[in-house]
Amino acid sequence: MKKYLVIFICAFYTIGNAQDTTQTYKKRVLESAEVDILFSYYKQDGDHAAVTGGEGTEELTDITPTIVVSLPLNDDDVLTVDAGISAYTSASSSNINPFDTQNPSPWISSSGASSSDALVHFNPSYSHSSDNRNNIWTANLNVSAEYDYFSIGFGGGYTHLFNEKNSEFGIKAQAYIDKWNPQYPVEFRSWFNRPDIVGDGTYTPSFAEFDNLNRNSYSLSFSFSQILTKKMQGSLFFDLVMQDGLLSTPHQRVYFADVNDFFVGDFQLGDDVEQLPDSRFKVPIGGRLNYYLNDIFTIRTYYRYYFDDWGINSHTANIEVPIKLGDKFTVYPMYRFYNQTAADYFAPKEQHLSTEEFYTSDYDLSDFDSHQYGLGISYKDIFTSTRIWKFGLKSVDLRFNQYSRSDGLDAFIVGFGIKFVQQ
């Protein structure tokens, strides 16, 4: 009897082990915590400042440090927290109140409180993957604030992989509920009164404060990607974006052709702030095509067509050519072209009439072309052989970009990123 009992136990143990070996191994979505430290430096200049009605210095400097931490909660779930600050100094926005200087001018920055500010953002997100990794659900929260604007956003998405993971479909919805804290140009404030105003007649601007200070944005995005061949992969995207509320920028002046000019020194007092419709519908459509040429060269291309009900149509084309320099280093030259038509409500300084319902002299809404040239270099070590404390260095990325716009705006951008992985 003992003999049969031993045989039975051994057989049961063997069958149990056989069943265990047939269980599917599930790889974790994210093996260990990752930390990205990002930094960008941006500097621009131009002569069409929207704050001063489309004329004046656009000098601006922005520094943006950011940290992104991704934490695996278990085999299937990942929590990511993106937090940072964007600190800028702006000669243009300083001229919301240009009278902090002895000789106010749209070409000279003021020393007022609006000459610098910081935007702080905090964006946590969560993703869950199915056991077979063919279905991914995401949710996110976005919070940001600066001296005249507060934004809170939330959204979610779903991604489905099929055709042995050669095909991928995604859908994402996002909403932003924002609010202005308007900083109107100083001459439109109730207490403004100066004896040195020069002009024919009496300065009586047509300005009135905005009643609705909310701005809401809603978007629905669709994407599809496909591995076409062993060397080629393509994707398409299509977005629907709806905005409503205060879409004007409260501190951007407008000057009318049929209204007398008034000055304090060299600074012309505004006739009103820009007035834009309280709704806007946007549709971007585009795609990417990436081609693996050989072990050294890869070609990445991007195209987007955009239109909205404000009259803007635009085209964006981008090409990037990563060049591998060994196992760890890659350089990638890049070029981006963009052009757009002007919005229906745009006109340069003193070409609007006071009888119009909507008007702006913001050159971001004008007809222009732009070119951006860049070069990047990246270092990747999949074995994370370099370590700092409990983290291994996985990658380093450095980019330089020069941006030039046909209306005279020029900018220089430096981006830096470094990724660590918990060991």
Protein backbone atom coordinates (compact mmCIF):
# COMPACT_ATOMS: atom_id res chain seq x y z
CA MET A 1 0.00 0.00 0.00
CA LYS A 2 2.82 2.36 0.83
CA LYS A 3 4.38 1.58 -2.56
CA TYR A 4 1.23 2.65 -4.41
CA LEU A 5 0.91 5.73 -2.24
CA VAL A 6 4.46 6.81 -3.09
CA ILE A 7 3.82 6.23 -6.80
CA PHE A 8 0.61 8.25 -6.60
CA ILE A 9 2.32 11.15 -4.81
CA CYS A 10 5.20 11.14 -7.32
CA ALA A 11 2.78 11.03 -10.23
CA PHE A 12 0.72 13.89 -8.77
CA TYR A 13 3.87 15.97 -8.15
CA THR A 14 5.07 15.29 -11.71
CA ILE A 15 1.71 16.26 -13.19
CA GLY A 16 1.66 19.40 -11.05
CA ASN A 17 5.11 20.39 -12.22
CA ALA A 18 4.13 19.69 -15.81
CA GLN A 19 1.13 21.97 -15.41
CA ASP A 20 3.34 24.70 -13.90
CA THR A 21 5.72 24.57 -16.86
CA THR A 22 2.84 25.18 -19.26
CA GLN A 23 1.90 28.48 -17.56
CA THR A 24 2.57 31.51 -19.75
CA TYR A 25 5.40 33.72 -18.55
CA LYS A 26 4.27 37.34 -18.33
CA LYS A 27 6.96 39.96 -18.71
CA ARG A 28 6.53 43.12 -16.68
CA VAL A 29 5.51 46.19 -18.67
CA LEU A 30 8.24 48.16 -16.90
CA GLU A 31 10.98 46.16 -15.20
CA SER A 32 12.14 48.84 -12.75
CA ALA A 33 11.73 52.53 -11.92
CA GLU A 34 13.01 55.04 -14.47
CA VAL A 35 13.92 58.68 -13.95
CA ASP A 36 14.23 61.21 -16.77
CA ILE A 37 15.84 64.55 -16.04
CA LEU A 38 15.10 67.05 -18.81
CA PHE A 39 16.27 70.60 -19.43
CA SER A 40 15.65 73.08 -22.22
CA TYR A 41 16.92 76.57 -22.96
CA TYR A 42 14.99 78.76 -25.40
CA LYS A 43 15.85 82.25 -26.62
CA GLN A 44 14.04 84.30 -29.24
CA ASP A 45 13.91 87.77 -30.72
CA GLY A 46 11.76 89.54 -33.27
CA ASP A 47 9.98 92.82 -33.95
CA HIS A 48 6.25 91.96 -33.97
CA ALA A 49 5.31 91.78 -30.29
CA ALA A 50 1.60 91.03 -29.84
CA VAL A 51 1.55 92.81 -26.44
CA THR A 52 2.32 96.08 -28.23
CA GLY A 53 -0.04 95.57 -31.16
CA GLY A 54 2.24 93.72 -33.56
CA GLU A 55 5.18 96.10 -33.28
CA GLY A 56 8.03 95.97 -30.78
CA THR A 57 10.60 93.63 -29.33
CA GLU A 58 9.79 89.94 -28.96
CA GLU A 59 12.90 89.17 -26.93
CA LEU A 60 12.28 86.24 -24.60
CA THR A 61 14.36 83.72 -22.67
CA ASP A 62 12.91 80.55 -21.17
CA ILE A 63 14.55 77.85 -19.03
CA THR A 64 12.60 74.66 -18.34
CA PRO A 65 13.87 71.96 -15.97
CA THR A 66 11.63 68.88 -15.76
CA ILE A 67 11.73 65.51 -14.03
CA VAL A 68 9.73 62.47 -15.14
CA VAL A 69 9.52 59.43 -12.84
CA SER A 70 8.00 56.14 -14.03
CA LEU A 71 7.18 53.54 -11.37
CA PRO A 72 6.04 49.96 -12.00
CA LEU A 73 3.21 49.25 -9.57
CA ASN A 74 3.07 45.56 -10.54
CA ASP A 75 3.49 43.45 -13.67
CA ASP A 76 0.74 45.34 -15.55
CA ASP A 77 0.49 48.87 -14.16
CA VAL A 78 2.77 51.89 -14.40
CA LEU A 79 2.48 55.27 -12.69
CA THR A 80 4.32 58.20 -14.29
CA VAL A 81 4.73 61.64 -12.74
CA ASP A 82 5.91 64.57 -14.87
CA ALA A 83 6.68 67.77 -12.95
CA GLY A 84 8.62 70.89 -13.85
CA ILE A 85 8.86 74.63 -14.05
CA SER A 86 9.21 77.00 -16.99
CA ALA A 87 10.89 80.24 -15.91
CA TYR A 88 11.02 83.06 -18.44
CA THR A 89 11.94 86.70 -18.87
CA SER A 90 10.09 88.56 -21.60
CA ALA A 91 10.69 92.04 -22.94
CA SER A 92 7.33 91.84 -24.70
CA SER A 93 5.15 90.94 -21.72
CA SER A 94 7.03 93.47 -19.60
CA ASN A 95 5.31 96.14 -21.70
CA ILE A 96 1.93 95.31 -20.24
CA ASN A 97 3.06 98.22 -18.10
CA PRO A 98 5.79 100.05 -20.04
CA PHE A 99 5.83 103.10 -17.75
CA ASP A 100 8.29 101.71 -15.22
CA THR A 101 11.05 103.24 -17.34
CA GLN A 102 11.85 106.89 -17.97
CA ASN A 103 11.55 106.52 -21.75
CA PRO A 104 8.76 103.99 -22.44
CA SER A 105 9.06 102.33 -25.86
CA PRO A 106 7.76 99.13 -27.49
CA TRP A 107 11.39 98.35 -28.39
CA ILE A 108 12.64 98.51 -24.80
CA SER A 109 11.71 96.12 -22.02
CA SER A 110 10.18 97.44 -18.83
CA SER A 111 11.27 96.39 -15.36
CA GLY A 112 7.71 95.72 -14.17
CA ALA A 113 6.36 92.59 -12.50
CA SER A 114 5.17 91.15 -15.83
CA SER A 115 8.72 91.04 -17.23
CA SER A 116 9.28 87.56 -15.78
CA ASP A 117 7.24 84.66 -14.50
CA ALA A 118 7.27 80.91 -13.95
CA LEU A 119 4.83 78.28 -15.14
CA VAL A 120 4.65 75.24 -12.88
CA HIS A 121 3.18 71.95 -14.06
CA PHE A 122 2.34 68.61 -12.44
CA ASN A 123 1.14 65.79 -14.69
CA PRO A 124 0.58 62.29 -13.24
CA SER A 125 -0.55 59.47 -15.55
CA TYR A 126 -1.44 55.80 -15.15
CA SER A 127 -1.38 52.92 -17.62
CA HIS A 128 -2.67 49.34 -17.38
CA SER A 129 -1.79 46.57 -19.83
CA SER A 130 -3.68 43.33 -20.35
CA ASP A 131 -1.98 39.99 -19.71
CA ASN A 132 -1.27 39.46 -23.41
CA ARG A 133 -0.08 43.09 -23.75
CA ASN A 134 -2.49 43.68 -26.62
CA ASN A 135 -4.69 46.15 -24.74
CA ILE A 136 -3.51 49.25 -22.90
CA TRP A 137 -5.66 51.67 -20.92
CA THR A 138 -4.35 55.05 -19.79
CA ALA A 139 -5.56 57.94 -17.63
CA ASN A 140 -3.89 61.27 -16.93
CA LEU A 141 -4.22 64.50 -14.98
CA ASN A 142 -2.61 67.83 -15.95
CA VAL A 143 -2.28 70.82 -13.66
CA SER A 144 -0.36 74.02 -14.48
CA ALA A 145 -0.35 77.58 -13.22
CA GLU A 146 1.33 80.91 -13.91
CA TYR A 147 0.65 84.46 -12.82
CA ASP A 148 -2.30 85.04 -15.17
CA TYR A 149 -3.49 81.54 -16.06
CA PHE A 150 -4.55 78.32 -14.34
CA SER A 151 -5.19 75.06 -16.17
CA ILE A 152 -6.47 71.67 -15.09
CA GLY A 153 -6.87 68.83 -17.54
CA PHE A 154 -7.81 65.18 -17.50
CA GLY A 155 -8.14 62.44 -20.03
CA GLY A 156 -7.84 58.81 -20.93
CA GLY A 157 -6.99 56.52 -23.79
CA TYR A 158 -7.13 53.00 -25.14
CA THR A 159 -4.64 51.21 -27.40
CA HIS A 160 -5.20 47.86 -29.11
CA LEU A 161 -2.45 45.82 -30.74
CA PHE A 162 -3.38 43.06 -33.17
CA ASN A 163 -2.12 41.18 -36.21
CA GLU A 164 0.67 39.68 -34.05
CA LYS A 165 1.42 43.19 -32.76
CA ASN A 166 2.18 44.43 -36.28
CA SER A 167 -0.84 46.73 -36.16
CA GLU A 168 -1.92 49.21 -33.51
CA PHE A 169 -5.03 51.34 -33.06
CA GLY A 170 -5.42 54.06 -30.43
CA ILE A 171 -8.04 56.50 -29.25
CA LYS A 172 -7.60 59.25 -26.67
CA ALA A 173 -9.88 61.90 -25.16
CA GLN A 174 -8.68 64.98 -23.29
CA ALA A 175 -10.32 67.99 -21.63
CA TYR A 176 -8.82 71.17 -20.19
CA ILE A 177 -10.76 73.50 -17.92
CA ASP A 178 -8.76 76.73 -17.70
CA LYS A 179 -9.21 80.18 -16.24
CA TRP A 180 -7.60 83.55 -16.89
CA ASN A 181 -6.47 86.04 -14.29
CA PRO A 182 -6.34 88.91 -16.81
CA GLN A 183 -3.46 91.39 -16.72
CA TYR A 184 -4.87 94.11 -18.95
CA PRO A 185 -2.54 96.74 -20.46
CA VAL A 186 -1.97 99.43 -17.86
CA GLU A 187 -3.68 102.21 -19.81
CA PHE A 188 -6.98 100.28 -19.65
CA ARG A 189 -7.03 100.08 -15.88
CA SER A 190 -9.42 102.35 -13.98
CA TRP A 191 -6.72 104.21 -12.05
CA PHE A 192 -4.62 105.10 -15.09
CA ASN A 193 -4.30 108.86 -15.54
CA ARG A 194 -1.21 110.66 -16.82
CA PRO A 195 -0.71 114.35 -17.60
CA ASP A 196 1.88 113.62 -20.32
CA ILE A 197 -0.48 111.94 -22.82
CA VAL A 198 0.05 113.47 -26.27
CA GLY A 199 -2.52 113.30 -29.09
CA ASP A 200 -5.43 115.04 -30.80
CA GLY A 201 -8.51 115.11 -28.60
CA THR A 202 -9.10 113.06 -25.47
CA TYR A 203 -7.84 109.54 -24.96
CA THR A 204 -10.99 107.40 -24.56
CA PRO A 205 -10.26 103.76 -25.53
CA SER A 206 -13.13 101.46 -26.45
CA PHE A 207 -11.87 98.79 -24.06
CA ALA A 208 -14.18 96.78 -21.78
CA GLU A 209 -13.16 93.97 -19.45
CA PHE A 210 -14.08 90.43 -20.43
CA ASP A 211 -17.07 88.92 -18.65
CA ASN A 212 -16.19 85.27 -19.17
CA LEU A 213 -12.68 84.36 -17.98
CA ASN A 214 -12.91 80.61 -18.64
CA ARG A 215 -11.31 78.73 -21.53
CA ASN A 216 -12.21 75.10 -22.19
CA SER A 217 -10.57 72.71 -24.65
CA TYR A 218 -11.76 69.25 -25.68
CA SER A 219 -9.97 66.85 -27.98
CA LEU A 220 -10.55 63.42 -29.45
CA SER A 221 -7.59 61.72 -31.11
CA PHE A 222 -7.38 58.62 -33.30
CA SER A 223 -4.19 56.88 -34.39
CA PHE A 224 -3.24 53.82 -36.39
CA SER A 225 0.24 52.39 -36.97
CA GLN A 226 1.36 49.47 -39.09
CA ILE A 227 4.60 47.59 -39.67
CA LEU A 228 4.61 47.56 -43.47
CA THR A 229 7.78 45.58 -44.15
CA LYS A 230 10.82 44.43 -42.20
CA LYS A 231 12.32 47.88 -42.76
CA MET A 232 9.31 50.20 -42.95
CA GLN A 233 6.76 51.35 -40.39
CA GLY A 234 4.01 53.92 -40.88
CA SER A 235 1.33 55.62 -38.79
CA LEU A 236 -1.64 57.93 -39.29
CA PHE A 237 -3.40 60.26 -36.87
CA PHE A 238 -6.54 62.35 -36.88
CA ASP A 239 -7.61 64.80 -34.16
CA LEU A 240 -10.76 66.78 -33.43
CA VAL A 241 -10.27 69.78 -31.13
CA MET A 242 -12.97 72.11 -29.83
CA GLN A 243 -12.34 75.24 -27.75
CA ASP A 244 -14.77 77.66 -26.15
CA GLY A 245 -14.65 80.58 -23.75
CA LEU A 246 -12.12 83.42 -23.60
CA LEU A 247 -9.86 82.64 -26.56
CA SER A 248 -8.49 86.18 -26.75
CA THR A 249 -5.31 87.04 -24.87
CA PRO A 250 -6.29 89.89 -22.50
CA HIS A 251 -2.94 91.71 -22.54
CA GLN A 252 -2.46 91.95 -26.33
CA ARG A 253 -3.18 95.44 -27.68
CA VAL A 254 -4.83 96.42 -30.96
CA TYR A 255 -4.52 99.78 -32.75
CA PHE A 256 -7.25 101.00 -35.14
CA ALA A 257 -6.79 102.88 -38.40
CA ASP A 258 -9.82 105.13 -37.80
CA VAL A 259 -8.91 106.25 -34.24
CA ASN A 260 -6.53 109.05 -33.29
CA ASP A 261 -3.12 108.05 -31.91
CA PHE A 262 -2.08 108.88 -28.35
CA PHE A 263 1.41 108.57 -26.88
CA VAL A 264 3.31 108.73 -23.65
CA GLY A 265 6.89 109.30 -24.74
CA ASP A 266 7.54 106.88 -27.61
CA PHE A 267 4.91 104.44 -26.44
CA GLN A 268 1.55 104.43 -28.23
CA LEU A 269 -1.45 103.81 -25.98
CA GLY A 270 -3.70 100.97 -27.07
CA ASP A 271 -7.15 101.36 -28.59
CA ASP A 272 -8.39 97.97 -27.35
CA VAL A 273 -7.20 94.43 -26.66
CA GLU A 274 -7.64 91.69 -29.22
CA GLN A 275 -11.17 90.36 -29.67
CA LEU A 276 -11.56 86.83 -31.04
CA PRO A 277 -14.56 84.49 -31.33
CA ASP A 278 -15.49 82.48 -28.23
CA SER A 279 -15.24 79.16 -30.08
CA ARG A 280 -12.71 77.47 -32.33
CA PHE A 281 -12.73 74.10 -34.08
CA LYS A 282 -9.39 72.56 -35.12
CA VAL A 283 -8.58 69.48 -37.23
CA PRO A 284 -5.01 68.19 -37.64
CA ILE A 285 -4.45 65.16 -39.89
CA GLY A 286 -1.07 63.59 -40.49
CA GLY A 287 1.23 60.64 -40.54
CA ARG A 288 4.72 59.27 -40.05
CA LEU A 289 6.84 56.98 -42.20
CA ASN A 290 10.05 55.50 -40.87
CA TYR A 291 12.48 53.49 -42.98
CA TYR A 292 15.42 51.43 -41.75
CA LEU A 293 17.99 51.85 -44.52
CA ASN A 294 20.82 49.80 -43.01
CA ASP A 295 22.73 49.34 -39.76
CA ILE A 296 23.92 52.94 -39.93
CA PHE A 297 21.10 55.04 -41.40
CA THR A 298 17.42 55.35 -40.57
CA ILE A 299 15.02 57.86 -42.14
CA ARG A 300 12.13 59.29 -40.12
CA THR A 301 9.56 61.49 -41.81
CA TYR A 302 6.48 63.33 -40.60
CA TYR A 303 3.70 65.33 -42.28
CA ARG A 304 0.67 67.14 -40.88
CA TYR A 305 -2.13 69.14 -42.48
CA TYR A 306 -4.15 71.43 -40.23
CA PHE A 307 -7.23 73.61 -40.65
CA ASP A 308 -9.63 75.44 -38.36
CA ASP A 309 -12.74 77.60 -38.60
CA TRP A 310 -10.71 80.79 -38.04
CA GLY A 311 -9.37 80.51 -41.58
CA ILE A 312 -5.93 79.03 -40.84
CA ASN A 313 -4.61 76.24 -43.07
CA SER A 314 -1.13 74.90 -42.45
CA HIS A 315 1.35 72.27 -43.59
CA THR A 316 4.15 70.77 -41.48
CA ALA A 317 6.89 68.52 -42.87
CA ASN A 318 9.75 67.05 -40.86
CA ILE A 319 12.66 64.75 -41.64
CA GLU A 320 15.20 63.26 -39.25
CA VAL A 321 18.08 60.95 -40.21
CA PRO A 322 19.63 59.07 -37.26
CA ILE A 323 23.20 57.95 -38.02
CA LYS A 324 24.66 55.27 -35.76
CA LEU A 325 28.26 55.77 -34.69
CA GLY A 326 28.90 52.43 -33.07
CA ASP A 327 26.82 50.59 -30.49
CA LYS A 328 26.19 53.50 -28.15
CA PHE A 329 26.29 56.79 -30.05
CA THR A 330 23.87 58.19 -32.62
CA VAL A 331 23.77 61.59 -34.29
CA TYR A 332 20.65 62.82 -36.00
CA PRO A 333 20.38 65.89 -38.21
CA MET A 334 16.83 67.16 -38.63
CA TYR A 335 14.83 69.72 -40.59
CA ARG A 336 11.28 71.02 -40.15
CA PHE A 337 9.26 73.19 -42.52
CA TYR A 338 5.99 74.90 -41.61
CA ASN A 339 3.70 77.35 -43.35
CA GLN A 340 0.24 78.71 -42.64
CA THR A 341 -2.35 81.12 -43.98
CA ALA A 342 -3.51 84.05 -41.88
CA ALA A 343 -6.54 83.89 -39.62
CA ASP A 344 -9.61 85.77 -40.83
CA TYR A 345 -9.26 88.21 -37.92
CA PHE A 346 -5.59 89.16 -38.32
CA ALA A 347 -4.28 92.48 -39.60
CA PRO A 348 -1.04 94.38 -38.88
CA LYS A 349 -0.92 97.40 -36.62
CA GLU A 350 -3.42 100.19 -37.47
CA GLN A 351 -5.10 98.25 -40.28
CA HIS A 352 -8.13 97.14 -38.29
CA LEU A 353 -11.23 99.35 -38.02
CA SER A 354 -12.99 100.03 -34.76
CA THR A 355 -16.28 98.88 -36.33
CA GLU A 356 -15.05 95.30 -36.76
CA GLU A 357 -16.36 92.63 -34.41
CA PHE A 358 -13.13 90.60 -34.17
CA TYR A 359 -9.54 91.75 -34.50
CA THR A 360 -5.98 90.79 -33.57
CA SER A 361 -2.45 91.84 -34.53
CA ASP A 362 -0.81 88.72 -33.11
CA TYR A 363 1.64 87.51 -35.77
CA ASP A 364 1.21 83.91 -34.56
CA LEU A 365 -2.09 84.18 -36.46
CA SER A 366 -0.54 85.78 -39.55
CA ASP A 367 0.57 84.29 -42.85
CA PHE A 368 4.13 82.99 -42.48
CA ASP A 369 6.65 80.26 -43.25
CA SER A 370 9.20 78.84 -40.83
CA HIS A 371 12.31 76.67 -41.00
CA GLN A 372 13.92 74.76 -38.19
CA TYR A 373 17.33 73.13 -38.49
CA GLY A 374 18.73 70.90 -35.82
CA LEU A 375 21.33 68.39 -34.76
CA GLY A 376 21.12 65.89 -31.96
CA ILE A 377 23.44 63.37 -30.40
CA SER A 378 22.41 60.50 -28.15
CA TYR A 379 24.19 57.93 -26.01
CA LYS A 380 22.49 54.67 -25.04
CA ASP A 381 23.75 51.88 -22.83
CA ILE A 382 21.25 49.01 -22.56
CA PHE A 383 23.45 47.38 -19.90
CA THR A 384 23.49 50.58 -17.75
CA SER A 385 27.13 49.95 -16.86
CA THR A 386 27.59 53.47 -15.45
CA ARG A 387 25.86 53.78 -12.09
CA ILE A 388 25.01 56.54 -9.66
CA TRP A 389 23.89 55.22 -6.29
CA LYS A 390 21.11 52.68 -7.03
CA PHE A 391 20.50 53.89 -10.58
CA GLY A 392 22.18 52.97 -13.84
CA LEU A 393 22.67 55.46 -16.68
CA LYS A 394 20.58 54.31 -19.63
CA SER A 395 20.70 57.22 -22.09
CA VAL A 396 21.81 60.80 -22.64
CA ASP A 397 20.32 63.04 -25.32
CA LEU A 398 21.44 66.52 -26.46
CA ARG A 399 19.76 68.62 -29.17
CA PHE A 400 20.41 71.98 -30.81
CA ASN A 401 17.82 73.72 -33.00
CA GLN A 402 17.77 77.01 -34.90
CA TYR A 403 14.32 78.38 -35.77
CA SER A 404 13.60 81.14 -38.28
CA ARG A 405 10.24 82.60 -39.28
CA SER A 406 9.47 84.73 -42.33
CA ASP A 407 8.05 87.56 -40.18
CA GLY A 408 11.48 88.09 -38.59
CA LEU A 409 11.18 85.92 -35.48
CA ASP A 410 14.33 83.91 -34.76
CA ALA A 411 14.95 81.45 -31.94
CA PHE A 412 17.62 79.11 -30.62
CA ILE A 413 16.72 75.99 -28.64
CA VAL A 414 18.90 73.60 -26.64
CA GLY A 415 17.43 70.44 -25.16
CA PHE A 416 19.09 67.97 -22.82
CA GLY A 417 17.80 64.73 -21.35
CA ILE A 418 19.28 61.98 -19.22
CA LYS A 419 17.58 58.71 -18.20
CA PHE A 420 18.40 56.57 -15.17
CA VAL A 421 17.06 53.09 -14.41
CA GLN A 422 16.82 51.61 -10.93
CA GLN A 423 19.16 48.65 -10.49
